[in-house]
């Protein structure tokens, strides 16, 4: 039997998820660089959990952390990113308070597979509407039974890419003037 189009069943999708809270797992953390200015940023990918009753199960949500122009000593300990933002991510992910890490890469490895709740807001810039992670909080569902596409239970490492090693993923094309700081 062949395929017959039925566009009454088609739903319009503009590529962004509705504003709201999503229960997720941290699936990937990597330092990347913009194409034009070669600015380094920390990219966090979240996968929407499929073990929680919510829309967009298994979809990805991305959040970028940018280096500070004038980092404090604390910021320098996390490669120039906002120490406060990085620690807030660790707190939301349930990392142990007081645990010591050798560097940011070691810290990021500990984030992989951890459950969090992210809040998406829509942002308009240059006439384009995008989804932005405005908050990352502790999960409301600490017991994780999410099953990844390969059949493994989440909570096991999905993917971690150390600093400036990723050569296959596309970079974000942002000019210095487009950065919010």
N, C-alpha and C. Protein backbone atom coordinates (compact mmCIF):
# COMPACT_ATOMS: atom_id res chain seq x y z
N UNK A 1 0.84 -1.18 0.00
CA UNK A 1 0.00 0.00 0.00
C UNK A 1 0.88 1.24 0.00
N UNK A 2 0.48 2.24 -0.69
CA UNK A 2 1.26 3.46 -0.83
C UNK A 2 0.91 4.50 0.22
N UNK A 3 1.36 5.66 -0.04
CA UNK A 3 1.17 6.80 0.86
C UNK A 3 0.20 7.78 0.23
N UNK A 4 -0.77 8.24 1.03
CA UNK A 4 -1.72 9.23 0.54
C UNK A 4 -1.65 10.44 1.45
N UNK A 5 -1.40 11.60 0.87
CA UNK A 5 -1.37 12.83 1.65
C UNK A 5 -2.72 13.10 2.28
N UNK A 6 -2.68 13.58 3.55
CA UNK A 6 -3.88 14.05 4.23
C UNK A 6 -3.46 15.25 5.05
N UNK A 7 -3.50 16.43 4.45
CA UNK A 7 -3.00 17.64 5.10
C UNK A 7 -3.92 18.14 6.20
N UNK A 8 -5.12 17.56 6.34
CA UNK A 8 -5.98 17.91 7.47
C UNK A 8 -5.33 17.45 8.77
N UNK A 9 -4.49 16.44 8.69
CA UNK A 9 -3.81 15.91 9.87
C UNK A 9 -2.52 16.65 10.20
N UNK A 10 -2.08 17.49 9.27
CA UNK A 10 -0.83 18.22 9.48
C UNK A 10 -1.06 19.33 10.50
N UNK A 11 -0.08 19.50 11.36
CA UNK A 11 -0.15 20.57 12.35
C UNK A 11 0.98 21.54 12.07
N UNK A 12 0.66 22.82 12.17
CA UNK A 12 1.68 23.84 11.95
C UNK A 12 2.65 23.84 13.12
N UNK A 13 3.93 23.83 12.83
CA UNK A 13 4.96 23.85 13.86
C UNK A 13 6.04 24.82 13.43
N UNK A 14 6.27 25.85 14.25
CA UNK A 14 7.23 26.88 13.86
C UNK A 14 8.64 26.61 14.39
N UNK A 15 8.84 25.45 14.98
CA UNK A 15 10.18 25.08 15.41
C UNK A 15 10.54 25.45 16.83
N UNK A 16 9.67 26.18 17.53
CA UNK A 16 9.98 26.49 18.92
C UNK A 16 8.89 25.93 19.82
N UNK A 17 9.31 25.50 20.99
CA UNK A 17 8.38 24.96 21.96
C UNK A 17 7.65 26.09 22.68
N UNK A 18 6.45 25.83 23.16
CA UNK A 18 5.73 26.86 23.91
C UNK A 18 6.47 27.23 25.20
N UNK A 19 6.23 28.46 25.67
CA UNK A 19 6.81 28.88 26.94
C UNK A 19 6.28 27.98 28.04
N UNK A 20 7.14 27.74 29.04
CA UNK A 20 6.73 26.92 30.17
C UNK A 20 7.86 26.10 30.71
N UNK A 21 7.53 25.23 31.66
CA UNK A 21 8.51 24.37 32.32
C UNK A 21 8.58 23.01 31.62
N UNK A 22 9.80 22.48 31.53
CA UNK A 22 10.05 21.18 30.93
C UNK A 22 10.99 20.40 31.84
N UNK A 23 10.59 19.19 32.18
CA UNK A 23 11.47 18.29 32.94
C UNK A 23 12.44 17.67 31.94
N UNK A 24 13.73 17.81 32.22
CA UNK A 24 14.76 17.41 31.26
C UNK A 24 15.89 16.66 31.95
N UNK A 25 16.77 16.12 31.12
CA UNK A 25 18.05 15.58 31.55
C UNK A 25 19.13 16.35 30.80
N UNK A 26 20.24 16.60 31.47
CA UNK A 26 21.37 17.23 30.79
C UNK A 26 22.02 16.14 29.95
N UNK A 27 22.01 16.31 28.63
CA UNK A 27 22.51 15.25 27.76
C UNK A 27 23.87 15.54 27.16
N UNK A 28 24.24 16.82 27.06
CA UNK A 28 25.52 17.15 26.43
C UNK A 28 25.98 18.51 26.91
N UNK A 29 27.26 18.63 27.19
CA UNK A 29 27.87 19.90 27.57
C UNK A 29 29.16 20.02 26.79
N UNK A 30 29.35 21.16 26.13
CA UNK A 30 30.58 21.33 25.36
C UNK A 30 30.90 22.80 25.19
N UNK A 31 32.19 23.11 25.12
CA UNK A 31 32.61 24.44 24.75
C UNK A 31 32.67 24.49 23.24
N UNK A 32 32.12 25.58 22.69
CA UNK A 32 32.09 25.76 21.24
C UNK A 32 32.57 27.17 20.91
N UNK A 33 32.71 27.45 19.63
CA UNK A 33 33.12 28.79 19.19
C UNK A 33 32.18 29.27 18.11
N UNK A 34 31.94 30.60 18.13
CA UNK A 34 31.13 31.19 17.07
C UNK A 34 31.92 31.16 15.76
N UNK A 35 31.22 31.11 14.65
CA UNK A 35 31.88 31.03 13.35
C UNK A 35 32.66 32.30 13.02
N UNK A 36 32.03 33.45 13.22
CA UNK A 36 32.62 34.70 12.76
C UNK A 36 33.72 35.19 13.70
N UNK A 37 33.37 35.42 14.96
CA UNK A 37 34.32 36.06 15.88
C UNK A 37 35.15 35.08 16.69
N UNK A 38 34.86 33.78 16.56
CA UNK A 38 35.58 32.74 17.30
C UNK A 38 35.47 32.91 18.82
N UNK A 39 34.36 33.51 19.28
CA UNK A 39 34.12 33.63 20.72
C UNK A 39 33.71 32.28 21.26
N UNK A 40 34.28 31.91 22.39
CA UNK A 40 33.99 30.63 23.02
C UNK A 40 32.80 30.77 23.95
N UNK A 41 31.94 29.76 23.93
CA UNK A 41 30.79 29.71 24.83
C UNK A 41 30.56 28.28 25.26
N UNK A 42 29.84 28.11 26.36
CA UNK A 42 29.52 26.79 26.89
C UNK A 42 28.09 26.46 26.46
N UNK A 43 27.93 25.38 25.73
CA UNK A 43 26.63 24.96 25.23
C UNK A 43 26.14 23.76 26.05
N UNK A 44 24.92 23.88 26.57
CA UNK A 44 24.30 22.78 27.33
C UNK A 44 23.08 22.33 26.56
N UNK A 45 23.00 21.03 26.29
CA UNK A 45 21.83 20.44 25.62
C UNK A 45 21.05 19.64 26.64
N UNK A 46 19.76 19.90 26.68
CA UNK A 46 18.85 19.18 27.56
C UNK A 46 17.92 18.34 26.69
N UNK A 47 17.60 17.13 27.12
CA UNK A 47 16.60 16.32 26.43
C UNK A 47 15.37 16.30 27.32
N UNK A 48 14.20 16.55 26.72
CA UNK A 48 12.94 16.54 27.46
C UNK A 48 12.63 15.09 27.83
N UNK A 49 12.42 14.86 29.11
CA UNK A 49 12.24 13.50 29.62
C UNK A 49 10.97 12.85 29.09
N UNK A 50 11.09 11.53 28.81
CA UNK A 50 9.93 10.78 28.34
C UNK A 50 9.29 9.95 29.44
N UNK A 51 9.79 10.09 30.67
CA UNK A 51 9.20 9.38 31.80
C UNK A 51 8.32 10.29 32.65
N UNK A 52 8.06 11.50 32.15
CA UNK A 52 7.22 12.48 32.82
C UNK A 52 6.11 12.85 31.85
N UNK A 53 4.87 13.01 32.36
CA UNK A 53 3.75 13.36 31.51
C UNK A 53 3.87 14.82 31.08
N UNK A 54 4.36 15.04 29.87
CA UNK A 54 4.57 16.38 29.33
C UNK A 54 4.69 16.29 27.81
N UNK A 55 4.54 17.41 27.16
CA UNK A 55 4.68 17.47 25.70
C UNK A 55 6.16 17.52 25.33
N UNK A 56 6.43 17.27 24.06
CA UNK A 56 7.76 17.39 23.46
C UNK A 56 8.77 16.39 24.04
N UNK A 57 8.30 15.21 24.42
CA UNK A 57 9.20 14.18 24.95
C UNK A 57 10.31 13.90 23.93
N UNK A 58 11.52 13.78 24.41
CA UNK A 58 12.74 13.49 23.65
C UNK A 58 13.22 14.66 22.80
N UNK A 59 12.55 15.80 22.85
CA UNK A 59 13.01 16.99 22.12
C UNK A 59 14.22 17.57 22.83
N UNK A 60 15.00 18.34 22.11
CA UNK A 60 16.18 18.97 22.68
C UNK A 60 15.92 20.45 22.95
N UNK A 61 16.52 20.93 24.02
CA UNK A 61 16.50 22.34 24.40
C UNK A 61 17.95 22.74 24.62
N UNK A 62 18.34 23.91 24.14
CA UNK A 62 19.73 24.34 24.24
C UNK A 62 19.84 25.62 25.07
N UNK A 63 20.94 25.71 25.81
CA UNK A 63 21.25 26.91 26.58
C UNK A 63 22.73 27.21 26.41
N UNK A 64 23.04 28.48 26.17
CA UNK A 64 24.43 28.89 26.02
C UNK A 64 24.84 29.81 27.15
N UNK A 65 26.05 29.61 27.62
CA UNK A 65 26.65 30.47 28.63
C UNK A 65 27.84 31.17 27.97
N UNK A 66 27.90 32.49 28.12
CA UNK A 66 28.93 33.28 27.46
C UNK A 66 29.98 33.73 28.47
N UNK A 67 31.22 33.81 28.00
CA UNK A 67 32.30 34.28 28.86
C UNK A 67 32.07 35.75 29.20
N UNK A 68 32.50 36.14 30.37
CA UNK A 68 32.34 37.52 30.82
C UNK A 68 33.47 38.37 30.25
N UNK A 69 33.16 39.62 29.94
CA UNK A 69 34.20 40.51 29.41
C UNK A 69 35.23 40.85 30.47
N UNK A 70 34.80 41.00 31.70
CA UNK A 70 35.70 41.30 32.81
C UNK A 70 35.47 40.28 33.92
N UNK A 71 36.02 39.07 33.77
CA UNK A 71 35.76 38.02 34.75
C UNK A 71 36.43 38.30 36.10
N UNK A 72 35.72 37.91 37.16
CA UNK A 72 36.28 37.98 38.50
C UNK A 72 37.18 36.76 38.70
N UNK A 73 37.86 36.69 39.83
CA UNK A 73 38.68 35.51 40.12
C UNK A 73 37.83 34.24 40.15
N UNK A 74 36.62 34.35 40.71
CA UNK A 74 35.71 33.20 40.74
C UNK A 74 35.32 32.80 39.31
N UNK A 75 35.04 33.78 38.46
CA UNK A 75 34.70 33.50 37.06
C UNK A 75 35.86 32.80 36.35
N UNK A 76 37.07 33.22 36.65
CA UNK A 76 38.26 32.62 36.01
C UNK A 76 38.38 31.15 36.37
N UNK A 77 37.88 30.75 37.54
CA UNK A 77 37.96 29.34 37.95
C UNK A 77 37.06 28.45 37.10
N UNK A 78 36.11 29.07 36.38
CA UNK A 78 35.24 28.34 35.46
C UNK A 78 35.45 28.85 34.03
N UNK A 79 36.69 29.05 33.66
CA UNK A 79 37.12 29.44 32.32
C UNK A 79 36.56 30.78 31.85
N UNK A 80 36.22 31.66 32.79
CA UNK A 80 35.76 32.99 32.42
C UNK A 80 34.25 33.14 32.29
N UNK A 81 33.51 32.05 32.47
CA UNK A 81 32.05 32.13 32.47
C UNK A 81 31.60 32.69 33.82
N UNK A 82 30.34 33.08 33.92
CA UNK A 82 29.82 33.58 35.19
C UNK A 82 29.81 32.44 36.21
N UNK A 83 30.60 32.60 37.27
CA UNK A 83 30.65 31.59 38.32
C UNK A 83 29.26 31.36 38.88
N UNK A 84 28.50 32.44 39.07
CA UNK A 84 27.15 32.34 39.62
C UNK A 84 26.25 31.48 38.72
N UNK A 85 26.30 31.70 37.42
CA UNK A 85 25.47 30.92 36.49
C UNK A 85 25.87 29.44 36.49
N UNK A 86 27.17 29.19 36.49
CA UNK A 86 27.65 27.80 36.46
C UNK A 86 27.27 27.08 37.76
N UNK A 87 27.42 27.76 38.90
CA UNK A 87 27.04 27.15 40.17
C UNK A 87 25.53 26.96 40.28
N UNK A 88 24.75 27.86 39.70
CA UNK A 88 23.29 27.71 39.69
C UNK A 88 22.89 26.47 38.89
N UNK A 89 23.58 26.22 37.79
CA UNK A 89 23.33 25.01 37.00
C UNK A 89 23.66 23.77 37.82
N UNK A 90 24.79 23.79 38.52
CA UNK A 90 25.17 22.66 39.36
C UNK A 90 24.18 22.42 40.49
N UNK A 91 23.69 23.51 41.10
CA UNK A 91 22.70 23.40 42.17
C UNK A 91 21.41 22.79 41.63
N UNK A 92 20.94 23.27 40.48
CA UNK A 92 19.72 22.73 39.87
C UNK A 92 19.88 21.25 39.53
N UNK A 93 21.08 20.86 39.13
CA UNK A 93 21.34 19.48 38.74
C UNK A 93 21.56 18.56 39.94
N UNK A 94 21.60 19.14 41.13
CA UNK A 94 21.74 18.33 42.34
C UNK A 94 23.16 17.88 42.63
N UNK A 95 24.15 18.63 42.14
CA UNK A 95 25.53 18.27 42.47
C UNK A 95 25.76 18.49 43.96
N UNK A 96 26.68 17.74 44.49
CA UNK A 96 26.99 17.80 45.92
C UNK A 96 27.67 19.12 46.28
N UNK A 97 27.12 19.84 47.26
CA UNK A 97 27.70 21.09 47.72
C UNK A 97 29.07 20.82 48.33
N UNK A 98 30.05 21.60 47.97
CA UNK A 98 31.40 21.46 48.51
C UNK A 98 32.29 20.48 47.77
N UNK A 99 31.73 19.74 46.81
CA UNK A 99 32.53 18.79 46.03
C UNK A 99 33.56 19.57 45.22
N UNK A 100 34.77 19.08 45.16
CA UNK A 100 35.84 19.75 44.42
C UNK A 100 36.06 19.07 43.08
N UNK A 101 36.33 19.91 42.08
CA UNK A 101 36.60 19.44 40.71
C UNK A 101 37.95 19.98 40.29
N UNK A 102 38.63 19.25 39.44
CA UNK A 102 39.95 19.69 38.98
C UNK A 102 39.84 20.88 38.02
N UNK A 103 38.74 20.94 37.26
CA UNK A 103 38.54 22.04 36.31
C UNK A 103 37.09 22.03 35.82
N UNK A 104 36.76 22.94 34.93
CA UNK A 104 35.40 23.04 34.41
C UNK A 104 35.00 21.78 33.66
N UNK A 105 35.92 21.19 32.92
CA UNK A 105 35.61 19.96 32.19
C UNK A 105 35.14 18.86 33.14
N UNK A 106 35.82 18.71 34.27
CA UNK A 106 35.47 17.70 35.26
C UNK A 106 34.08 18.00 35.83
N UNK A 107 33.80 19.27 36.11
CA UNK A 107 32.49 19.69 36.60
C UNK A 107 31.40 19.33 35.59
N UNK A 108 31.66 19.63 34.31
CA UNK A 108 30.67 19.37 33.26
C UNK A 108 30.37 17.89 33.10
N UNK A 109 31.38 17.06 33.24
CA UNK A 109 31.17 15.61 33.16
C UNK A 109 30.19 15.15 34.22
N UNK A 110 30.23 15.78 35.40
CA UNK A 110 29.34 15.40 36.50
C UNK A 110 27.90 15.83 36.24
N UNK A 111 27.68 16.78 35.34
CA UNK A 111 26.34 17.24 35.01
C UNK A 111 25.57 16.27 34.11
N UNK A 112 26.30 15.50 33.30
CA UNK A 112 25.69 14.65 32.28
C UNK A 112 24.74 13.63 32.92
N UNK A 113 23.52 13.58 32.36
CA UNK A 113 22.52 12.61 32.81
C UNK A 113 21.70 13.05 34.00
N UNK A 114 21.97 14.22 34.54
CA UNK A 114 21.25 14.68 35.73
C UNK A 114 19.94 15.36 35.35
N UNK A 115 18.89 15.14 36.15
CA UNK A 115 17.59 15.74 35.87
C UNK A 115 17.51 17.19 36.36
N UNK A 116 16.87 18.04 35.58
CA UNK A 116 16.62 19.44 35.93
C UNK A 116 15.25 19.84 35.35
N UNK A 117 14.75 20.97 35.79
CA UNK A 117 13.53 21.54 35.23
C UNK A 117 13.91 22.88 34.62
N UNK A 118 13.71 23.03 33.32
CA UNK A 118 14.05 24.28 32.65
C UNK A 118 12.78 25.04 32.30
N UNK A 119 12.87 26.36 32.39
CA UNK A 119 11.76 27.22 32.02
C UNK A 119 12.13 27.94 30.73
N UNK A 120 11.29 27.76 29.73
CA UNK A 120 11.51 28.40 28.43
C UNK A 120 10.65 29.65 28.34
N UNK A 121 11.28 30.71 27.87
CA UNK A 121 10.59 31.96 27.53
C UNK A 121 10.92 32.25 26.07
N UNK A 122 10.07 32.99 25.41
CA UNK A 122 10.34 33.39 24.03
C UNK A 122 10.99 34.75 24.02
N UNK A 123 11.96 34.90 23.13
CA UNK A 123 12.71 36.15 23.00
C UNK A 123 12.66 36.59 21.55
N UNK A 124 12.40 37.86 21.32
CA UNK A 124 12.39 38.38 19.96
C UNK A 124 13.61 39.27 19.76
N UNK A 125 14.35 38.99 18.69
CA UNK A 125 15.54 39.77 18.36
C UNK A 125 15.65 39.86 16.86
N UNK A 126 15.77 41.04 16.34
CA UNK A 126 15.86 41.27 14.89
C UNK A 126 14.70 40.63 14.13
N UNK A 127 13.50 40.65 14.72
CA UNK A 127 12.33 40.11 14.07
C UNK A 127 12.17 38.61 14.15
N UNK A 128 13.09 37.92 14.81
CA UNK A 128 13.00 36.47 14.96
C UNK A 128 12.65 36.12 16.39
N UNK A 129 11.73 35.18 16.56
CA UNK A 129 11.36 34.71 17.89
C UNK A 129 12.09 33.39 18.13
N UNK A 130 12.78 33.30 19.26
CA UNK A 130 13.51 32.09 19.62
C UNK A 130 13.13 31.67 21.03
N UNK A 131 13.37 30.40 21.34
CA UNK A 131 13.15 29.95 22.71
C UNK A 131 14.45 30.11 23.48
N UNK A 132 14.33 30.60 24.70
CA UNK A 132 15.48 30.81 25.56
C UNK A 132 15.22 30.15 26.90
N UNK A 133 16.22 29.51 27.45
CA UNK A 133 16.10 28.98 28.81
C UNK A 133 16.29 30.16 29.76
N UNK A 134 15.23 30.50 30.47
CA UNK A 134 15.32 31.63 31.40
C UNK A 134 15.66 31.18 32.81
N UNK A 135 15.29 29.96 33.16
CA UNK A 135 15.59 29.43 34.50
C UNK A 135 15.92 27.95 34.38
N UNK A 136 16.81 27.50 35.25
CA UNK A 136 17.08 26.08 35.42
C UNK A 136 16.93 25.80 36.90
N UNK A 137 16.02 24.90 37.24
CA UNK A 137 15.72 24.61 38.64
C UNK A 137 15.81 23.12 38.92
N UNK A 138 15.72 22.77 40.19
CA UNK A 138 15.71 21.36 40.57
C UNK A 138 14.46 20.70 40.00
N UNK A 139 14.61 19.45 39.64
CA UNK A 139 13.50 18.67 39.10
C UNK A 139 12.42 18.45 40.15
N UNK A 140 11.21 18.29 39.69
CA UNK A 140 10.10 17.90 40.57
C UNK A 140 9.95 16.38 40.57
N UNK A 141 10.72 15.70 39.70
CA UNK A 141 10.65 14.25 39.55
C UNK A 141 12.06 13.65 39.64
N UNK A 142 12.59 13.49 40.88
CA UNK A 142 13.98 13.04 41.02
C UNK A 142 14.24 11.60 40.62
N UNK A 143 13.21 10.75 40.60
CA UNK A 143 13.39 9.38 40.15
C UNK A 143 13.33 9.36 38.63
N UNK A 144 14.41 8.96 38.01
CA UNK A 144 14.52 9.02 36.55
C UNK A 144 14.34 7.64 35.95
N UNK A 145 13.37 7.51 35.04
CA UNK A 145 13.14 6.27 34.31
C UNK A 145 13.11 6.54 32.80
N UNK A 146 13.67 7.69 32.42
CA UNK A 146 13.75 8.06 31.01
C UNK A 146 14.55 7.00 30.25
N UNK A 147 14.06 6.61 29.10
CA UNK A 147 14.77 5.65 28.26
C UNK A 147 15.27 6.35 27.01
N UNK A 148 16.57 6.30 26.81
CA UNK A 148 17.16 6.93 25.63
C UNK A 148 16.83 6.11 24.38
N UNK A 149 17.04 6.69 23.22
CA UNK A 149 16.71 6.02 21.96
C UNK A 149 17.45 4.69 21.81
N UNK A 150 18.65 4.61 22.39
CA UNK A 150 19.42 3.36 22.27
C UNK A 150 19.00 2.33 23.31
N UNK A 151 17.97 2.66 24.13
CA UNK A 151 17.44 1.71 25.10
C UNK A 151 18.07 1.79 26.47
N UNK A 152 19.11 2.59 26.66
CA UNK A 152 19.73 2.70 27.97
C UNK A 152 18.91 3.63 28.85
N UNK A 153 18.97 3.41 30.13
CA UNK A 153 18.30 4.31 31.05
C UNK A 153 19.13 5.56 31.21
N UNK A 154 18.46 6.69 31.26
CA UNK A 154 19.16 7.96 31.46
C UNK A 154 19.74 7.97 32.85
N UNK A 155 20.62 8.89 33.08
CA UNK A 155 21.38 8.90 34.32
C UNK A 155 22.78 8.38 34.03
N UNK A 156 22.89 7.62 32.95
CA UNK A 156 24.21 7.20 32.48
C UNK A 156 24.69 8.28 31.52
N UNK A 157 26.00 8.48 31.43
CA UNK A 157 26.50 9.54 30.55
C UNK A 157 25.98 9.41 29.13
N UNK A 158 25.54 10.52 28.58
CA UNK A 158 25.07 10.56 27.21
C UNK A 158 26.20 11.02 26.32
N UNK A 159 26.69 12.23 26.54
CA UNK A 159 27.83 12.70 25.77
C UNK A 159 28.45 13.91 26.46
N UNK A 160 29.75 13.91 26.51
CA UNK A 160 30.48 15.07 27.03
C UNK A 160 31.62 15.34 26.07
N UNK A 161 31.79 16.58 25.71
CA UNK A 161 32.87 16.98 24.81
C UNK A 161 33.73 18.02 25.53
N UNK A 162 34.99 17.71 25.82
CA UNK A 162 35.84 18.68 26.51
C UNK A 162 36.13 19.91 25.65
N UNK A 163 36.74 20.87 26.26
CA UNK A 163 36.99 22.19 25.66
C UNK A 163 37.56 22.12 24.26
N UNK A 164 36.89 22.86 23.36
CA UNK A 164 37.38 23.13 22.00
C UNK A 164 37.79 21.90 21.20
N UNK A 165 37.15 20.76 21.46
CA UNK A 165 37.49 19.56 20.71
C UNK A 165 36.46 19.27 19.63
N UNK A 166 35.24 19.76 19.81
CA UNK A 166 34.17 19.45 18.87
C UNK A 166 34.44 20.08 17.51
N UNK A 167 34.57 19.23 16.51
CA UNK A 167 34.86 19.75 15.17
C UNK A 167 33.73 19.45 14.20
N UNK A 168 32.72 18.69 14.61
CA UNK A 168 31.67 18.30 13.68
C UNK A 168 30.38 19.09 13.87
N UNK A 169 30.11 19.58 15.06
CA UNK A 169 28.84 20.29 15.29
C UNK A 169 28.92 21.68 14.69
N UNK A 170 27.80 22.15 14.17
CA UNK A 170 27.80 23.51 13.60
C UNK A 170 27.95 24.55 14.69
N UNK A 171 28.67 25.59 14.39
CA UNK A 171 28.87 26.67 15.35
C UNK A 171 27.77 27.70 15.21
N UNK A 172 27.56 28.45 16.26
CA UNK A 172 26.59 29.54 16.24
C UNK A 172 27.24 30.71 15.53
N UNK A 173 26.50 31.33 14.63
CA UNK A 173 27.02 32.46 13.87
C UNK A 173 26.52 33.75 14.49
N UNK A 174 27.29 34.29 15.43
CA UNK A 174 26.91 35.51 16.14
C UNK A 174 28.06 36.48 16.07
N UNK A 175 27.77 37.69 15.66
CA UNK A 175 28.79 38.74 15.64
C UNK A 175 28.93 39.33 17.03
N UNK A 176 30.08 39.93 17.31
CA UNK A 176 30.31 40.53 18.63
C UNK A 176 29.23 41.53 18.98
N UNK A 177 28.73 42.28 18.02
CA UNK A 177 27.72 43.29 18.28
C UNK A 177 26.39 42.68 18.68
N UNK A 178 26.17 41.40 18.37
CA UNK A 178 24.91 40.74 18.71
C UNK A 178 24.90 40.19 20.14
N UNK A 179 26.06 40.13 20.78
CA UNK A 179 26.13 39.57 22.12
C UNK A 179 25.54 40.57 23.12
N UNK A 180 24.85 40.06 24.14
CA UNK A 180 24.15 40.94 25.07
C UNK A 180 25.06 41.60 26.10
N UNK A 181 26.36 41.44 26.00
CA UNK A 181 27.27 42.04 26.99
C UNK A 181 28.45 42.66 26.33
